[in-house]
Every structure is written in C-alpha cells, then in structure tokens.
Amino acid sequence: MKYWNFPSARREYQWRMIPKHDLSDSDLLRLMLAGDEEALALLYRRRQAAVYRFALQMSGSKTIAEDVTQEVFLFLMRDGHVFDPARGALTAFLLGVARNHVLRRLRVDQLLAPLGDDPDDEVHATSDICPLEDLTRAETIESVRRAVLSLPPKYREVVVLCELQDVSYVETAEILGCAIGTVRSRLHRARALLLEKLRPAAEVEETSATTVRCFA
C-alpha cells in the first residue's frame, strides 16, 4: 500500500502497463535509457525512415544516409537524456542531430563544392510543372532531387525539412536553431533558386518542341 502513496510511482506503474507500441516517443525513450531493448527497437522502427530520408535528401548519398542514421541512434542511446520534450517532438530532435552529422560528413568528404556546381544541363523539367507541387512523376522527382542537392546547405535544409519532409516551420526553426522568420525567408529564397535552376531546361524543351512543330 505504501507504493500508492507516491503519485510518481503510481504513474510509472500505469505507464508500464500500457502496451509498448501505444507509448509515446518520450516514454519509449525513457524505457530505452533504462535498458529496454524492445523500446529501442520500436523507436528505431518509428523514426529511422524519417532520419534516413532527411540524410539522403541532404547528401544525395545512400552511404552517408545509412551512416548518419546509425550515428543518430547511437547518439540517442548514449546521450538521449539531453532530449527535452518541452522543446519539441523527438522527431525534430533526431533530425537536428542528423543535420549536424550530415553537415559534418559533407565537410569531411568535401562534397559541398561539387554539389554547388551541379550543371543545369543535367536537370530536366517540363514548363507546366511546379517542382514543389507535383512530385508524382519520376522525371520530376529526379530533376527536383538534383536541383535540391545543388542548393547551398542553408537553403537545401529548409526545402528538405519543410517541403519534402512536411516538418512545420516551428519544428524547422527548432531543428536549425533559428527564428521562424528566418525559416520563411530562406524557404522563399530556396524556392526561387529551384525555379531558376529548373527554368532553363524547361525553356530548352519548349523551344525544341516549337522547332519540331515548325518542321513537321
């Protein structure tokens, strides 16, 4: 009976009686840090895909994406206690950790320069498609992927988070450690850069089509 005299102990008992797959990320993290391997496995299955997609879209490298995903969860196992649920969701926290690892890896591998020099003639798009609104066609997905990778990192990351990962402006600001206004302004600039990179290819295709019609 003495056990129930402690509200925190009662809450912990009730919390542990809930099936693990119904627990929140924060509760699973708490169990994981206490040595529960099943909680770790559940957290990994829930959040691994989002971390991997972010790393892949930021780096364009499956190897880097796989390495970063592993590093993120190793960090969570080692230093997960630094996560503060009052500051945001665990997903945002993991993407913030992933961002740091991706940028560090890109600097080490000296990939930022070639990504920034990605030639426009490798991009293919049609004039009637907005690259951020229609990602269902394979050729559009590939053209946007290349264009996104050619953006400077500070613009690339807001596009990946807000447009490709559907992360809110609030969470994006938390991940990047900046103001929401900064996120909005960077995203506006990033969209303009993307359209600028994709427009030449669209104009070339339109011109070619007109030429073909003239000689038909």
Protein backbone atom coordinates (compact mmCIF):
# COMPACT_ATOMS: atom_id res chain seq x y z
CA MET A 1 0.00 0.00 0.00
CA LYS A 2 2.87 2.36 0.62
CA TYR A 3 3.64 2.17 -3.10
CA TRP A 4 0.43 4.02 -3.97
CA ASN A 5 1.30 6.86 -1.61
CA PHE A 6 3.73 8.14 -4.24
CA PRO A 7 1.99 9.71 -7.28
CA SER A 8 5.11 9.37 -9.45
CA ALA A 9 5.36 5.67 -8.64
CA ARG A 10 1.67 5.20 -9.43
CA ARG A 11 2.05 6.97 -12.77
CA GLU A 12 5.09 4.84 -13.64
CA TYR A 13 3.16 1.67 -12.83
CA GLN A 14 0.24 2.75 -15.04
CA TRP A 15 2.64 3.79 -17.79
CA ARG A 16 4.41 0.41 -17.74
CA MET A 17 1.06 -1.41 -18.03
CA ILE A 18 0.39 0.22 -21.44
CA PRO A 19 1.50 -1.89 -24.47
CA LYS A 20 4.82 -0.51 -25.69
CA HIS A 21 3.60 0.13 -29.22
CA ASP A 22 1.00 2.54 -27.76
CA LEU A 23 3.54 4.55 -25.79
CA SER A 24 4.72 7.98 -26.90
CA ASP A 25 8.23 8.54 -28.23
CA SER A 26 9.19 10.19 -24.94
CA ASP A 27 8.01 7.20 -22.92
CA LEU A 28 9.81 4.78 -25.21
CA LEU A 29 12.96 6.86 -24.88
CA ARG A 30 12.65 6.71 -21.09
CA LEU A 31 12.38 2.93 -21.23
CA MET A 32 15.23 2.69 -23.71
CA LEU A 33 17.53 4.70 -21.46
CA ALA A 34 16.63 2.31 -18.66
CA GLY A 35 17.94 -0.56 -20.78
CA ASP A 36 14.76 -1.77 -22.52
CA GLU A 37 15.87 -3.15 -25.89
CA GLU A 38 12.32 -3.55 -27.16
CA ALA A 39 11.72 0.16 -26.64
CA LEU A 40 14.84 0.92 -28.66
CA ALA A 41 13.65 -1.35 -31.48
CA LEU A 42 10.23 0.33 -31.53
CA LEU A 43 11.75 3.80 -31.59
CA TYR A 44 14.06 2.78 -34.40
CA ARG A 45 11.21 1.38 -36.48
CA ARG A 46 9.16 4.53 -35.91
CA ARG A 47 11.76 7.16 -36.69
CA GLN A 48 14.51 5.53 -38.75
CA ALA A 49 12.82 6.24 -42.10
CA ALA A 50 12.47 9.98 -41.44
CA VAL A 51 16.10 10.30 -40.38
CA TYR A 52 17.30 8.29 -43.38
CA ARG A 53 15.20 10.30 -45.88
CA PHE A 54 16.46 13.58 -44.46
CA ALA A 55 20.10 12.48 -44.65
CA LEU A 56 19.64 11.11 -48.18
CA GLN A 57 17.89 14.24 -49.46
CA MET A 58 20.55 16.44 -47.88
CA SER A 59 23.57 14.48 -49.11
CA GLY A 60 22.43 12.59 -52.20
CA SER A 61 24.42 9.62 -50.91
CA LYS A 62 22.92 6.36 -49.65
CA THR A 63 26.18 5.58 -47.85
CA ILE A 64 26.10 8.86 -45.95
CA ALA A 65 22.39 8.43 -45.20
CA GLU A 66 22.97 4.96 -43.77
CA ASP A 67 25.97 6.09 -41.73
CA VAL A 68 24.18 9.15 -40.38
CA THR A 69 21.10 7.14 -39.43
CA GLN A 70 23.28 4.74 -37.45
CA GLU A 71 25.14 7.62 -35.80
CA VAL A 72 21.89 9.34 -34.82
CA PHE A 73 20.56 6.30 -32.99
CA LEU A 74 23.91 5.62 -31.37
CA PHE A 75 23.80 9.20 -30.11
CA LEU A 76 20.26 8.62 -28.84
CA MET A 77 21.38 5.52 -26.94
CA ARG A 78 24.35 7.34 -25.44
CA ASP A 79 23.02 10.86 -24.88
CA GLY A 80 19.25 10.57 -25.17
CA HIS A 81 18.87 12.12 -21.73
CA VAL A 82 19.58 15.55 -23.27
CA PHE A 83 16.26 15.43 -25.13
CA ASP A 84 13.72 17.82 -23.61
CA PRO A 85 10.10 17.05 -24.63
CA ALA A 86 9.12 20.56 -23.59
CA ARG A 87 11.13 21.95 -26.50
CA GLY A 88 9.58 19.81 -29.23
CA ALA A 89 8.95 16.34 -30.60
CA LEU A 90 11.57 13.62 -30.59
CA THR A 91 11.46 13.51 -34.39
CA ALA A 92 12.60 17.14 -34.56
CA PHE A 93 15.35 16.37 -32.06
CA LEU A 94 16.56 13.42 -34.15
CA LEU A 95 16.53 15.47 -37.36
CA GLY A 96 18.56 18.15 -35.60
CA VAL A 97 21.15 15.56 -34.64
CA ALA A 98 21.06 14.16 -38.19
CA ARG A 99 21.60 17.65 -39.62
CA ASN A 100 24.77 18.13 -37.60
CA HIS A 101 26.13 14.75 -38.69
CA VAL A 102 25.26 15.32 -42.35
CA LEU A 103 26.92 18.73 -42.50
CA ARG A 104 29.98 17.40 -40.71
CA ARG A 105 30.19 14.45 -43.10
CA LEU A 106 29.79 16.66 -46.16
CA ARG A 107 32.59 18.91 -44.97
CA VAL A 108 34.86 15.94 -44.32
CA ASP A 109 34.10 14.35 -47.68
CA GLN A 110 34.40 17.71 -49.49
CA LEU A 111 31.06 17.25 -51.19
CA LEU A 112 29.71 20.75 -50.77
CA ALA A 113 31.68 22.23 -53.67
CA PRO A 114 30.65 19.72 -56.34
CA LEU A 115 27.04 19.83 -55.19
CA GLY A 116 27.06 23.58 -55.58
CA ASP A 117 28.48 23.29 -59.10
CA ASP A 118 25.89 20.78 -60.32
CA PRO A 119 25.36 21.78 -64.00
CA ASP A 120 21.92 22.93 -65.09
CA ASP A 121 22.06 20.82 -68.24
CA GLU A 122 21.59 17.72 -66.10
CA VAL A 123 18.20 18.98 -64.90
CA HIS A 124 15.06 18.04 -66.82
CA ALA A 125 11.65 19.51 -66.18
CA THR A 126 8.54 20.46 -68.12
CA SER A 127 7.34 24.05 -68.28
CA ASP A 128 3.91 23.31 -66.81
CA ILE A 129 5.15 21.58 -63.64
CA CYS A 130 6.00 23.30 -60.38
CA PRO A 131 8.83 21.24 -58.85
CA LEU A 132 7.50 21.64 -55.33
CA GLU A 133 3.86 20.80 -56.08
CA ASP A 134 3.99 17.72 -58.28
CA LEU A 135 6.43 15.03 -57.21
CA THR A 136 4.48 12.10 -58.62
CA ARG A 137 6.28 11.81 -61.95
CA ALA A 138 9.65 10.07 -61.86
CA GLU A 139 11.39 12.58 -64.12
CA THR A 140 10.17 15.46 -61.96
CA ILE A 141 11.33 13.75 -58.79
CA GLU A 142 14.79 13.24 -60.28
CA SER A 143 15.05 16.81 -61.55
CA VAL A 144 13.97 18.25 -58.20
CA ARG A 145 16.34 15.93 -56.35
CA ARG A 146 19.27 17.19 -58.40
CA ALA A 147 18.20 20.80 -58.08
CA VAL A 148 17.78 20.48 -54.30
CA LEU A 149 21.25 18.94 -53.98
CA SER A 150 22.71 21.89 -55.89
CA LEU A 151 21.38 24.41 -53.36
CA PRO A 152 23.68 25.85 -50.69
CA PRO A 153 23.19 23.88 -47.43
CA LYS A 154 21.21 26.59 -45.59
CA TYR A 155 18.62 26.63 -48.38
CA ARG A 156 18.76 22.91 -49.04
CA GLU A 157 17.89 22.02 -45.47
CA VAL A 158 14.76 24.18 -45.31
CA VAL A 159 13.48 22.68 -48.56
CA VAL A 160 14.17 19.15 -47.34
CA LEU A 161 12.50 19.78 -43.99
CA CYS A 162 9.54 21.94 -44.98
CA GLU A 163 8.77 20.75 -48.50
CA LEU A 164 9.96 17.14 -48.65
CA GLN A 165 9.58 16.08 -45.00
CA ASP A 166 6.49 18.21 -44.20
CA VAL A 167 8.08 19.48 -40.99
CA SER A 168 6.33 22.56 -39.59
CA TYR A 169 8.02 25.97 -39.59
CA VAL A 170 8.10 25.87 -35.80
CA GLU A 171 9.88 22.50 -35.68
CA THR A 172 12.19 23.51 -38.53
CA ALA A 173 13.21 26.60 -36.60
CA GLU A 174 13.90 24.40 -33.57
CA ILE A 175 15.98 21.97 -35.64
CA LEU A 176 18.02 24.73 -37.26
CA GLY A 177 18.28 26.88 -34.13
CA CYS A 178 16.92 29.99 -35.83
CA ALA A 179 13.80 32.17 -35.87
CA ILE A 180 10.66 31.17 -37.76
CA GLY A 181 11.05 34.31 -39.87
CA THR A 182 14.48 33.07 -40.94
CA VAL A 183 12.98 29.74 -41.99
CA ARG A 184 10.33 31.52 -44.08
CA SER A 185 12.82 33.85 -45.77
CA ARG A 186 15.25 31.02 -46.54
CA LEU A 187 12.45 28.87 -47.92
CA HIS A 188 11.25 31.74 -50.13
CA ARG A 189 14.78 32.20 -51.46
CA ALA A 190 15.24 28.45 -51.91
CA ARG A 191 12.07 28.18 -53.99
CA ALA A 192 13.25 30.99 -56.20
CA LEU A 193 16.64 29.32 -56.67
CA LEU A 194 14.99 26.00 -57.53
CA LEU A 195 12.74 27.55 -60.16
CA GLU A 196 15.71 29.43 -61.57
CA LYS A 197 17.71 26.21 -61.87
CA LEU A 198 14.86 24.31 -63.46
CA ARG A 199 13.60 27.04 -65.80
CA PRO A 200 16.43 26.85 -68.41
CA ALA A 201 15.76 23.16 -69.03
CA ALA A 202 12.05 23.83 -69.39
CA GLU A 203 12.70 26.66 -71.85
CA VAL A 204 15.01 24.48 -73.92
CA GLU A 205 12.41 21.73 -74.12
CA GLU A 206 9.69 24.23 -75.07
CA THR A 207 11.89 25.72 -77.79
CA SER A 208 12.73 22.27 -79.15
CA ALA A 209 9.07 21.32 -79.26
CA THR A 210 8.24 24.51 -81.17
CA THR A 211 11.01 23.81 -83.68
CA VAL A 212 9.77 20.30 -84.26
CA ARG A 213 6.24 21.57 -84.91
CA CYS A 214 7.57 24.13 -87.42
CA PHE A 215 9.35 21.44 -89.44
CA ALA A 216 6.55 18.89 -89.16
